[in-house]
Amino acid sequence: ALFYRYEVVALALIIFGVAFILIENWNKGRSPRIN
C-alpha cells in the first residue's frame, strides 16, 4: 500500500542502477575474497 507506486519503482531502478556502476568501478582491480 505504501510503496507499490510508479514513483518508488522508478527511483529504486535509478538508485540501484547508479549503485551497480559505482560498485563495479570501486571493485575494478580488486580481488574478491569469496570465490
PDB file of all heavy atoms in Angstrom:
ATOM      1  N   ALA A   1       0.822  -1.210   0.000  1.00  0.00           N
ATOM      2  CA  ALA A   1       0.000   0.000   0.000  1.00  0.00           C
ATOM      3  C   ALA A   1       0.861   1.267   0.000  1.00  0.00           C
ATOM      4  O   ALA A   1       0.520   2.265  -0.639  1.00  0.00           O
ATOM      5  CB  ALA A   1      -0.918  -0.005   1.216  1.00  0.00           C
ATOM      6  N   LEU A   2       1.986   1.227   0.709  1.00  0.00           N
ATOM      7  CA  LEU A   2       2.837   2.408   0.825  1.00  0.00           C
ATOM      8  C   LEU A   2       3.729   2.643  -0.380  1.00  0.00           C
ATOM      9  O   LEU A   2       3.900   3.781  -0.842  1.00  0.00           O
ATOM     10  CB  LEU A   2       3.720   2.293   2.078  1.00  0.00           C
ATOM     11  CG  LEU A   2       3.041   2.476   3.432  1.00  0.00           C
ATOM     12  CD1 LEU A   2       4.033   2.196   4.550  1.00  0.00           C
ATOM     13  CD2 LEU A   2       2.473   3.887   3.566  1.00  0.00           C
ATOM     14  N   PHE A   3       4.313   1.551  -0.917  1.00  0.00           N
ATOM     15  CA  PHE A   3       5.400   1.722  -1.879  1.00  0.00           C
ATOM     16  C   PHE A   3       5.134   1.192  -3.278  1.00  0.00           C
ATOM     17  O   PHE A   3       5.958   1.416  -4.165  1.00  0.00           O
ATOM     18  CB  PHE A   3       6.670   1.042  -1.338  1.00  0.00           C
ATOM     19  CG  PHE A   3       7.154   1.635  -0.036  1.00  0.00           C
ATOM     20  CD1 PHE A   3       7.257   0.845   1.098  1.00  0.00           C
ATOM     21  CD2 PHE A   3       7.494   2.977   0.054  1.00  0.00           C
ATOM     22  CE1 PHE A   3       7.703   1.385   2.298  1.00  0.00           C
ATOM     23  CE2 PHE A   3       7.927   3.527   1.241  1.00  0.00           C
ATOM     24  CZ  PHE A   3       8.034   2.732   2.365  1.00  0.00           C
ATOM     25  N   TYR A   4       4.016   0.468  -3.487  1.00  0.00           N
ATOM     26  CA  TYR A   4       3.783  -0.058  -4.826  1.00  0.00           C
ATOM     27  C   TYR A   4       3.205   1.054  -5.710  1.00  0.00           C
ATOM     28  O   TYR A   4       2.050   1.049  -6.091  1.00  0.00           O
ATOM     29  CB  TYR A   4       2.854  -1.266  -4.803  1.00  0.00           C
ATOM     30  CG  TYR A   4       2.955  -2.111  -6.059  1.00  0.00           C
ATOM     31  CD1 TYR A   4       3.938  -3.085  -6.186  1.00  0.00           C
ATOM     32  CD2 TYR A   4       2.087  -1.917  -7.119  1.00  0.00           C
ATOM     33  CE1 TYR A   4       4.045  -3.853  -7.329  1.00  0.00           C
ATOM     34  CE2 TYR A   4       2.183  -2.679  -8.273  1.00  0.00           C
ATOM     35  CZ  TYR A   4       3.164  -3.636  -8.371  1.00  0.00           C
ATOM     36  OH  TYR A   4       3.268  -4.387  -9.522  1.00  0.00           O
ATOM     37  N   ARG A   5       4.079   2.037  -5.989  1.00  0.00           N
ATOM     38  CA  ARG A   5       3.718   3.173  -6.840  1.00  0.00           C
ATOM     39  C   ARG A   5       4.824   3.373  -7.857  1.00  0.00           C
ATOM     40  O   ARG A   5       5.994   3.057  -7.610  1.00  0.00           O
ATOM     41  CB  ARG A   5       3.542   4.443  -6.000  1.00  0.00           C
ATOM     42  CG  ARG A   5       2.546   4.304  -4.864  1.00  0.00           C
ATOM     43  CD  ARG A   5       2.125   5.679  -4.344  1.00  0.00           C
ATOM     44  NE  ARG A   5       3.272   6.509  -3.998  1.00  0.00           N
ATOM     45  CZ  ARG A   5       3.838   6.559  -2.800  1.00  0.00           C
ATOM     46  NH1 ARG A   5       3.368   5.789  -1.824  1.00  0.00           N
ATOM     47  NH2 ARG A   5       4.860   7.353  -2.554  1.00  0.00           N
ATOM     48  N   TYR A   6       4.460   3.943  -8.980  1.00  0.00           N
ATOM     49  CA  TYR A   6       5.437   4.071 -10.058  1.00  0.00           C
ATOM     50  C   TYR A   6       6.622   4.945  -9.671  1.00  0.00           C
ATOM     51  O   TYR A   6       7.753   4.709 -10.105  1.00  0.00           O
ATOM     52  CB  TYR A   6       4.764   4.584 -11.336  1.00  0.00           C
ATOM     53  CG  TYR A   6       4.510   6.075 -11.370  1.00  0.00           C
ATOM     54  CD1 TYR A   6       5.468   6.959 -11.881  1.00  0.00           C
ATOM     55  CD2 TYR A   6       3.311   6.608 -10.912  1.00  0.00           C
ATOM     56  CE1 TYR A   6       5.239   8.320 -11.928  1.00  0.00           C
ATOM     57  CE2 TYR A   6       3.080   7.966 -10.957  1.00  0.00           C
ATOM     58  CZ  TYR A   6       4.040   8.814 -11.464  1.00  0.00           C
ATOM     59  OH  TYR A   6       3.813  10.181 -11.510  1.00  0.00           O
ATOM     60  N   GLU A   7       6.385   5.962  -8.805  1.00  0.00           N
ATOM     61  CA  GLU A   7       7.500   6.829  -8.399  1.00  0.00           C
ATOM     62  C   GLU A   7       8.558   6.040  -7.629  1.00  0.00           C
ATOM     63  O   GLU A   7       9.761   6.217  -7.844  1.00  0.00           O
ATOM     64  CB  GLU A   7       6.989   7.981  -7.517  1.00  0.00           C
ATOM     65  CG  GLU A   7       5.967   8.890  -8.180  1.00  0.00           C
ATOM     66  CD  GLU A   7       4.550   8.502  -7.803  1.00  0.00           C
ATOM     67  OE1 GLU A   7       4.324   7.306  -7.495  1.00  0.00           O
ATOM     68  OE2 GLU A   7       3.672   9.384  -7.826  1.00  0.00           O
ATOM     69  N   VAL A   8       8.101   5.169  -6.726  1.00  0.00           N
ATOM     70  CA  VAL A   8       9.031   4.368  -5.920  1.00  0.00           C
ATOM     71  C   VAL A   8       9.783   3.388  -6.809  1.00  0.00           C
ATOM     72  O   VAL A   8      11.003   3.209  -6.683  1.00  0.00           O
ATOM     73  CB  VAL A   8       8.269   3.618  -4.811  1.00  0.00           C
ATOM     74  CG1 VAL A   8       9.221   2.700  -4.037  1.00  0.00           C
ATOM     75  CG2 VAL A   8       7.600   4.605  -3.862  1.00  0.00           C
ATOM     76  N   VAL A   9       9.053   2.735  -7.716  1.00  0.00           N
ATOM     77  CA  VAL A   9       9.684   1.783  -8.630  1.00  0.00           C
ATOM     78  C   VAL A   9      10.752   2.468  -9.471  1.00  0.00           C
ATOM     79  O   VAL A   9      11.876   1.974  -9.618  1.00  0.00           O
ATOM     80  CB  VAL A   9       8.622   1.119  -9.534  1.00  0.00           C
ATOM     81  CG1 VAL A   9       9.291   0.285 -10.625  1.00  0.00           C
ATOM     82  CG2 VAL A   9       7.675   0.256  -8.710  1.00  0.00           C
ATOM     83  N   ALA A  10      10.415   3.623 -10.024  1.00  0.00           N
ATOM     84  CA  ALA A  10      11.355   4.351 -10.881  1.00  0.00           C
ATOM     85  C   ALA A  10      12.594   4.781 -10.111  1.00  0.00           C
ATOM     86  O   ALA A  10      13.734   4.636 -10.590  1.00  0.00           O
ATOM     87  CB  ALA A  10      10.667   5.567 -11.499  1.00  0.00           C
ATOM     88  N   LEU A  11      12.405   5.324  -8.912  1.00  0.00           N
ATOM     89  CA  LEU A  11      13.546   5.761  -8.103  1.00  0.00           C
ATOM     90  C   LEU A  11      14.430   4.583  -7.702  1.00  0.00           C
ATOM     91  O   LEU A  11      15.668   4.686  -7.706  1.00  0.00           O
ATOM     92  CB  LEU A  11      13.056   6.509  -6.860  1.00  0.00           C
ATOM     93  CG  LEU A  11      12.483   7.903  -7.106  1.00  0.00           C
ATOM     94  CD1 LEU A  11      11.922   8.489  -5.813  1.00  0.00           C
ATOM     95  CD2 LEU A  11      13.560   8.835  -7.666  1.00  0.00           C
ATOM     96  N   ALA A  12      13.810   3.451  -7.359  1.00  0.00           N
ATOM     97  CA  ALA A  12      14.588   2.265  -6.997  1.00  0.00           C
ATOM     98  C   ALA A  12      15.402   1.767  -8.189  1.00  0.00           C
ATOM     99  O   ALA A  12      16.568   1.366  -8.042  1.00  0.00           O
ATOM    100  CB  ALA A  12      13.655   1.167  -6.495  1.00  0.00           C
ATOM    101  N   LEU A  13      14.805   1.798  -9.362  1.00  0.00           N
ATOM    102  CA  LEU A  13      15.532   1.416 -10.575  1.00  0.00           C
ATOM    103  C   LEU A  13      16.762   2.296 -10.767  1.00  0.00           C
ATOM    104  O   LEU A  13      17.868   1.802 -11.016  1.00  0.00           O
ATOM    105  CB  LEU A  13      14.608   1.533 -11.801  1.00  0.00           C
ATOM    106  CG  LEU A  13      13.594   0.412 -12.012  1.00  0.00           C
ATOM    107  CD1 LEU A  13      12.537   0.841 -13.025  1.00  0.00           C
ATOM    108  CD2 LEU A  13      14.285  -0.863 -12.486  1.00  0.00           C
ATOM    109  N   ILE A  14      16.573   3.591 -10.640  1.00  0.00           N
ATOM    110  CA  ILE A  14      17.666   4.533 -10.887  1.00  0.00           C
ATOM    111  C   ILE A  14      18.749   4.420  -9.813  1.00  0.00           C
ATOM    112  O   ILE A  14      19.945   4.346 -10.120  1.00  0.00           O
ATOM    113  CB  ILE A  14      17.119   5.976 -10.966  1.00  0.00           C
ATOM    114  CG1 ILE A  14      16.219   6.120 -12.202  1.00  0.00           C
ATOM    115  CG2 ILE A  14      18.260   6.985 -11.000  1.00  0.00           C
ATOM    116  CD1 ILE A  14      15.438   7.417 -12.242  1.00  0.00           C
ATOM    117  N   ILE A  15      18.333   4.402  -8.546  1.00  0.00           N
ATOM    118  CA  ILE A  15      19.306   4.384  -7.448  1.00  0.00           C
ATOM    119  C   ILE A  15      20.174   3.128  -7.500  1.00  0.00           C
ATOM    120  O   ILE A  15      21.403   3.197  -7.375  1.00  0.00           O
ATOM    121  CB  ILE A  15      18.579   4.485  -6.092  1.00  0.00           C
ATOM    122  CG1 ILE A  15      17.986   5.898  -5.931  1.00  0.00           C
ATOM    123  CG2 ILE A  15      19.536   4.190  -4.938  1.00  0.00           C
ATOM    124  CD1 ILE A  15      17.055   6.046  -4.752  1.00  0.00           C
ATOM    125  N   PHE A  16      19.552   1.976  -7.710  1.00  0.00           N
ATOM    126  CA  PHE A  16      20.356   0.758  -7.762  1.00  0.00           C
ATOM    127  C   PHE A  16      21.130   0.635  -9.074  1.00  0.00           C
ATOM    128  O   PHE A  16      22.150  -0.051  -9.139  1.00  0.00           O
ATOM    129  CB  PHE A  16      19.485  -0.469  -7.518  1.00  0.00           C
ATOM    130  CG  PHE A  16      19.516  -0.926  -6.094  1.00  0.00           C
ATOM    131  CD1 PHE A  16      18.831  -0.221  -5.111  1.00  0.00           C
ATOM    132  CD2 PHE A  16      20.253  -2.030  -5.704  1.00  0.00           C
ATOM    133  CE1 PHE A  16      18.868  -0.616  -3.791  1.00  0.00           C
ATOM    134  CE2 PHE A  16      20.299  -2.442  -4.381  1.00  0.00           C
ATOM    135  CZ  PHE A  16      19.613  -1.728  -3.415  1.00  0.00           C
ATOM    136  N   GLY A  17      20.648   1.297 -10.123  1.00  0.00           N
ATOM    137  CA  GLY A  17      21.440   1.352 -11.350  1.00  0.00           C
ATOM    138  C   GLY A  17      22.737   2.106 -11.118  1.00  0.00           C
ATOM    139  O   GLY A  17      23.821   1.662 -11.525  1.00  0.00           O
ATOM    140  N   VAL A  18      22.634   3.234 -10.440  1.00  0.00           N
ATOM    141  CA  VAL A  18      23.828   4.012 -10.084  1.00  0.00           C
ATOM    142  C   VAL A  18      24.731   3.185  -9.163  1.00  0.00           C
ATOM    143  O   VAL A  18      25.962   3.193  -9.311  1.00  0.00           O
ATOM    144  CB  VAL A  18      23.424   5.338  -9.409  1.00  0.00           C
ATOM    145  CG1 VAL A  18      24.655   6.061  -8.855  1.00  0.00           C
ATOM    146  CG2 VAL A  18      22.683   6.230 -10.397  1.00  0.00           C
ATOM    147  N   ALA A  19      24.113   2.448  -8.228  1.00  0.00           N
ATOM    148  CA  ALA A  19      24.895   1.632  -7.291  1.00  0.00           C
ATOM    149  C   ALA A  19      25.709   0.577  -8.022  1.00  0.00           C
ATOM    150  O   ALA A  19      26.882   0.345  -7.697  1.00  0.00           O
ATOM    151  CB  ALA A  19      23.962   0.970  -6.271  1.00  0.00           C
ATOM    152  N   PHE A  20      25.118  -0.063  -9.018  1.00  0.00           N
ATOM    153  CA  PHE A  20      25.857  -1.052  -9.791  1.00  0.00           C
ATOM    154  C   PHE A  20      27.101  -0.441 -10.438  1.00  0.00           C
ATOM    155  O   PHE A  20      28.196  -1.023 -10.401  1.00  0.00           O
ATOM    156  CB  PHE A  20      24.967  -1.657 -10.882  1.00  0.00           C
ATOM    157  CG  PHE A  20      24.294  -2.936 -10.477  1.00  0.00           C
ATOM    158  CD1 PHE A  20      22.919  -3.037 -10.459  1.00  0.00           C
ATOM    159  CD2 PHE A  20      25.046  -4.047 -10.124  1.00  0.00           C
ATOM    160  CE1 PHE A  20      22.296  -4.212 -10.093  1.00  0.00           C
ATOM    161  CE2 PHE A  20      24.434  -5.228  -9.752  1.00  0.00           C
ATOM    162  CZ  PHE A  20      23.053  -5.321  -9.734  1.00  0.00           C
ATOM    163  N   ILE A  21      26.927   0.722 -11.036  1.00  0.00           N
ATOM    164  CA  ILE A  21      28.047   1.369 -11.729  1.00  0.00           C
ATOM    165  C   ILE A  21      29.134   1.761 -10.741  1.00  0.00           C
ATOM    166  O   ILE A  21      30.332   1.508 -10.962  1.00  0.00           O
ATOM    167  CB  ILE A  21      27.540   2.602 -12.509  1.00  0.00           C
ATOM    168  CG1 ILE A  21      26.568   2.147 -13.612  1.00  0.00           C
ATOM    169  CG2 ILE A  21      28.710   3.386 -13.103  1.00  0.00           C
ATOM    170  CD1 ILE A  21      25.809   3.284 -14.269  1.00  0.00           C
ATOM    171  N   LEU A  22      28.739   2.382  -9.623  1.00  0.00           N
ATOM    172  CA  LEU A  22      29.720   2.812  -8.624  1.00  0.00           C
ATOM    173  C   LEU A  22      30.462   1.624  -8.006  1.00  0.00           C
ATOM    174  O   LEU A  22      31.687   1.667  -7.827  1.00  0.00           O
ATOM    175  CB  LEU A  22      29.020   3.626  -7.527  1.00  0.00           C
ATOM    176  CG  LEU A  22      28.444   4.986  -7.951  1.00  0.00           C
ATOM    177  CD1 LEU A  22      27.733   5.648  -6.776  1.00  0.00           C
ATOM    178  CD2 LEU A  22      29.535   5.899  -8.500  1.00  0.00           C
ATOM    179  N   ILE A  23      29.732   0.569  -7.673  1.00  0.00           N
ATOM    180  CA  ILE A  23      30.359  -0.594  -7.038  1.00  0.00           C
ATOM    181  C   ILE A  23      31.298  -1.307  -7.999  1.00  0.00           C
ATOM    182  O   ILE A  23      32.398  -1.742  -7.616  1.00  0.00           O
ATOM    183  CB  ILE A  23      29.287  -1.549  -6.503  1.00  0.00           C
ATOM    184  CG1 ILE A  23      28.577  -0.912  -5.300  1.00  0.00           C
ATOM    185  CG2 ILE A  23      29.886  -2.895  -6.095  1.00  0.00           C
ATOM    186  CD1 ILE A  23      27.356  -1.652  -4.842  1.00  0.00           C
ATOM    187  N   GLU A  24      30.910  -1.420  -9.266  1.00  0.00           N
ATOM    188  CA  GLU A  24      31.788  -2.060 -10.234  1.00  0.00           C
ATOM    189  C   GLU A  24      33.057  -1.227 -10.445  1.00  0.00           C
ATOM    190  O   GLU A  24      34.154  -1.783 -10.581  1.00  0.00           O
ATOM    191  CB  GLU A  24      31.059  -2.281 -11.560  1.00  0.00           C
ATOM    192  CG  GLU A  24      30.046  -3.412 -11.534  1.00  0.00           C
ATOM    193  CD  GLU A  24      30.684  -4.796 -11.435  1.00  0.00           C
ATOM    194  OE1 GLU A  24      31.895  -4.897 -11.159  1.00  0.00           O
ATOM    195  OE2 GLU A  24      29.967  -5.785 -11.629  1.00  0.00           O
ATOM    196  N   ASN A  25      32.919   0.099 -10.468  1.00  0.00           N
ATOM    197  CA  ASN A  25      34.112   0.953 -10.581  1.00  0.00           C
ATOM    198  C   ASN A  25      35.001   0.797  -9.345  1.00  0.00           C
ATOM    199  O   ASN A  25      36.229   0.761  -9.448  1.00  0.00           O
ATOM    200  CB  ASN A  25      33.703   2.417 -10.751  1.00  0.00           C
ATOM    201  CG  ASN A  25      33.145   2.701 -12.135  1.00  0.00           C
ATOM    202  OD1 ASN A  25      33.443   1.983 -13.092  1.00  0.00           O
ATOM    203  ND2 ASN A  25      32.323   3.736 -12.248  1.00  0.00           N
ATOM    204  N   TRP A  26      34.381   0.699  -8.176  1.00  0.00           N
ATOM    205  CA  TRP A  26      35.126   0.535  -6.925  1.00  0.00           C
ATOM    206  C   TRP A  26      35.821  -0.828  -6.875  1.00  0.00           C
ATOM    207  O   TRP A  26      36.926  -0.960  -6.364  1.00  0.00           O
ATOM    208  CB  TRP A  26      34.162   0.681  -5.750  1.00  0.00           C
ATOM    209  CG  TRP A  26      34.787   0.468  -4.399  1.00  0.00           C
ATOM    210  CD1 TRP A  26      35.626   1.305  -3.735  1.00  0.00           C
ATOM    211  CD2 TRP A  26      34.613  -0.679  -3.543  1.00  0.00           C
ATOM    212  NE1 TRP A  26      35.985   0.770  -2.517  1.00  0.00           N
ATOM    213  CE2 TRP A  26      35.374  -0.443  -2.370  1.00  0.00           C
ATOM    214  CE3 TRP A  26      33.883  -1.862  -3.645  1.00  0.00           C
ATOM    215  CZ2 TRP A  26      35.434  -1.352  -1.324  1.00  0.00           C
ATOM    216  CZ3 TRP A  26      33.939  -2.776  -2.607  1.00  0.00           C
ATOM    217  CH2 TRP A  26      34.709  -2.506  -1.462  1.00  0.00           C
ATOM    218  N   ASN A  27      35.148  -1.852  -7.439  1.00  0.00           N
ATOM    219  CA  ASN A  27      35.702  -3.202  -7.432  1.00  0.00           C
ATOM    220  C   ASN A  27      36.792  -3.427  -8.468  1.00  0.00           C
ATOM    221  O   ASN A  27      37.509  -4.437  -8.416  1.00  0.00           O
ATOM    222  CB  ASN A  27      34.590  -4.236  -7.684  1.00  0.00           C
ATOM    223  CG  ASN A  27      33.984  -4.742  -6.392  1.00  0.00           C
ATOM    224  OD1 ASN A  27      34.591  -4.633  -5.332  1.00  0.00           O
ATOM    225  ND2 ASN A  27      32.787  -5.293  -6.473  1.00  0.00           N
ATOM    226  N   LYS A  28      36.912  -2.503  -9.419  1.00  0.00           N
ATOM    227  CA  LYS A  28      37.870  -2.693 -10.514  1.00  0.00           C
ATOM    228  C   LYS A  28      39.282  -2.842  -9.960  1.00  0.00           C
ATOM    229  O   LYS A  28      39.773  -2.005  -9.215  1.00  0.00           O
ATOM    230  CB  LYS A  28      37.800  -1.508 -11.478  1.00  0.00           C
ATOM    231  CG  LYS A  28      38.523  -1.758 -12.788  1.00  0.00           C
ATOM    232  CD  LYS A  28      38.278  -0.610 -13.753  1.00  0.00           C
ATOM    233  CE  LYS A  28      38.956  -0.890 -15.095  1.00  0.00           C
ATOM    234  NZ  LYS A  28      38.713   0.216 -16.068  1.00  0.00           N
ATOM    235  N   GLY A  29      39.934  -3.920 -10.323  1.00  0.00           N
ATOM    236  CA  GLY A  29      41.294  -4.157  -9.855  1.00  0.00           C
ATOM    237  C   GLY A  29      41.374  -4.856  -8.520  1.00  0.00           C
ATOM    238  O   GLY A  29      42.466  -5.250  -8.086  1.00  0.00           O
ATOM    239  N   ARG A  30      40.236  -5.032  -7.844  1.00  0.00           N
ATOM    240  CA  ARG A  30      40.230  -5.721  -6.553  1.00  0.00           C
ATOM    241  C   ARG A  30      39.973  -7.213  -6.765  1.00  0.00           C
ATOM    242  O   ARG A  30      39.233  -7.596  -7.660  1.00  0.00           O
ATOM    243  CB  ARG A  30      39.146  -5.157  -5.629  1.00  0.00           C
ATOM    244  CG  ARG A  30      39.371  -3.707  -5.226  1.00  0.00           C
ATOM    245  CD  ARG A  30      38.163  -3.188  -4.457  1.00  0.00           C
ATOM    246  NE  ARG A  30      38.323  -1.781  -4.087  1.00  0.00           N
ATOM    247  CZ  ARG A  30      38.769  -1.370  -2.923  1.00  0.00           C
ATOM    248  NH1 ARG A  30      39.092  -2.256  -1.998  1.00  0.00           N
ATOM    249  NH2 ARG A  30      38.899  -0.091  -2.672  1.00  0.00           N
ATOM    250  N   SER A  31      40.560  -8.021  -5.938  1.00  0.00           N
ATOM    251  CA  SER A  31      40.328  -9.466  -5.997  1.00  0.00           C
ATOM    252  C   SER A  31      39.272  -9.842  -4.964  1.00  0.00           C
ATOM    253  O   SER A  31      39.399  -9.474  -3.787  1.00  0.00           O
ATOM    254  CB  SER A  31      41.620 -10.234  -5.701  1.00  0.00           C
ATOM    255  OG  SER A  31      42.590  -9.950  -6.686  1.00  0.00           O
ATOM    256  N   PRO A  32      38.213 -10.549  -5.378  1.00  0.00           N
ATOM    257  CA  PRO A  32      37.189 -10.960  -4.398  1.00  0.00           C
ATOM    258  C   PRO A  32      37.777 -11.914  -3.380  1.00  0.00           C
ATOM    259  O   PRO A  32      38.648 -12.721  -3.690  1.00  0.00           O
ATOM    260  CB  PRO A  32      36.130 -11.650  -5.275  1.00  0.00           C
ATOM    261  CG  PRO A  32      36.843 -12.053  -6.512  1.00  0.00           C
ATOM    262  CD  PRO A  32      37.901 -11.022  -6.732  1.00  0.00           C
ATOM    263  N   ARG A  33      37.274 -11.828  -2.152  1.00  0.00           N
ATOM    264  CA  ARG A  33      37.779 -12.717  -1.099  1.00  0.00           C
ATOM    265  C   ARG A  33      36.953 -13.984  -0.980  1.00  0.00           C
ATOM    266  O   ARG A  33      37.358 -14.931  -0.306  1.00  0.00           O
ATOM    267  CB  ARG A  33      37.814 -11.969   0.240  1.00  0.00           C
ATOM    268  CG  ARG A  33      36.468 -11.495   0.746  1.00  0.00           C
ATOM    269  CD  ARG A  33      36.588 -10.741   2.059  1.00  0.00           C
ATOM    270  NE  ARG A  33      35.297 -10.334   2.575  1.00  0.00           N
ATOM    271  CZ  ARG A  33      34.498 -11.130   3.302  1.00  0.00           C
ATOM    272  NH1 ARG A  33      34.888 -12.355   3.599  1.00  0.00           N
ATOM    273  NH2 ARG A  33      33.330 -10.700   3.733  1.00  0.00           N
ATOM    274  N   ILE A  34      35.783 -14.019  -1.623  1.00  0.00           N
ATOM    275  CA  ILE A  34      34.930 -15.214  -1.598  1.00  0.00           C
ATOM    276  C   ILE A  34      34.714 -15.670  -3.041  1.00  0.00           C
ATOM    277  O   ILE A  34      34.061 -14.990  -3.828  1.00  0.00           O
ATOM    278  CB  ILE A  34      33.579 -14.910  -0.920  1.00  0.00           C
ATOM    279  CG1 ILE A  34      33.807 -14.499   0.535  1.00  0.00           C
ATOM    280  CG2 ILE A  34      32.654 -16.122  -1.001  1.00  0.00           C
ATOM    281  CD1 ILE A  34      32.557 -14.049   1.257  1.00  0.00           C
ATOM    282  N   ASN A  35      35.288 -16.818  -3.388  1.00  0.00           N
ATOM    283  CA  ASN A  35      35.268 -17.280  -4.772  1.00  0.00           C
ATOM    284  C   ASN A  35      34.539 -18.609  -4.970  1.00  0.00           C
ATOM    285  O   ASN A  35      34.475 -19.108  -6.086  1.00  0.00           O
ATOM    286  CB  ASN A  35      36.713 -17.422  -5.279  1.00  0.00           C
ATOM    287  CG  ASN A  35      37.411 -16.074  -5.370  1.00  0.00           C
ATOM    288  OD1 ASN A  35      37.139 -15.270  -6.248  1.00  0.00           O
ATOM    289  ND2 ASN A  35      38.328 -15.830  -4.436  1.00  0.00           N
TER     290      ASN A  35
END
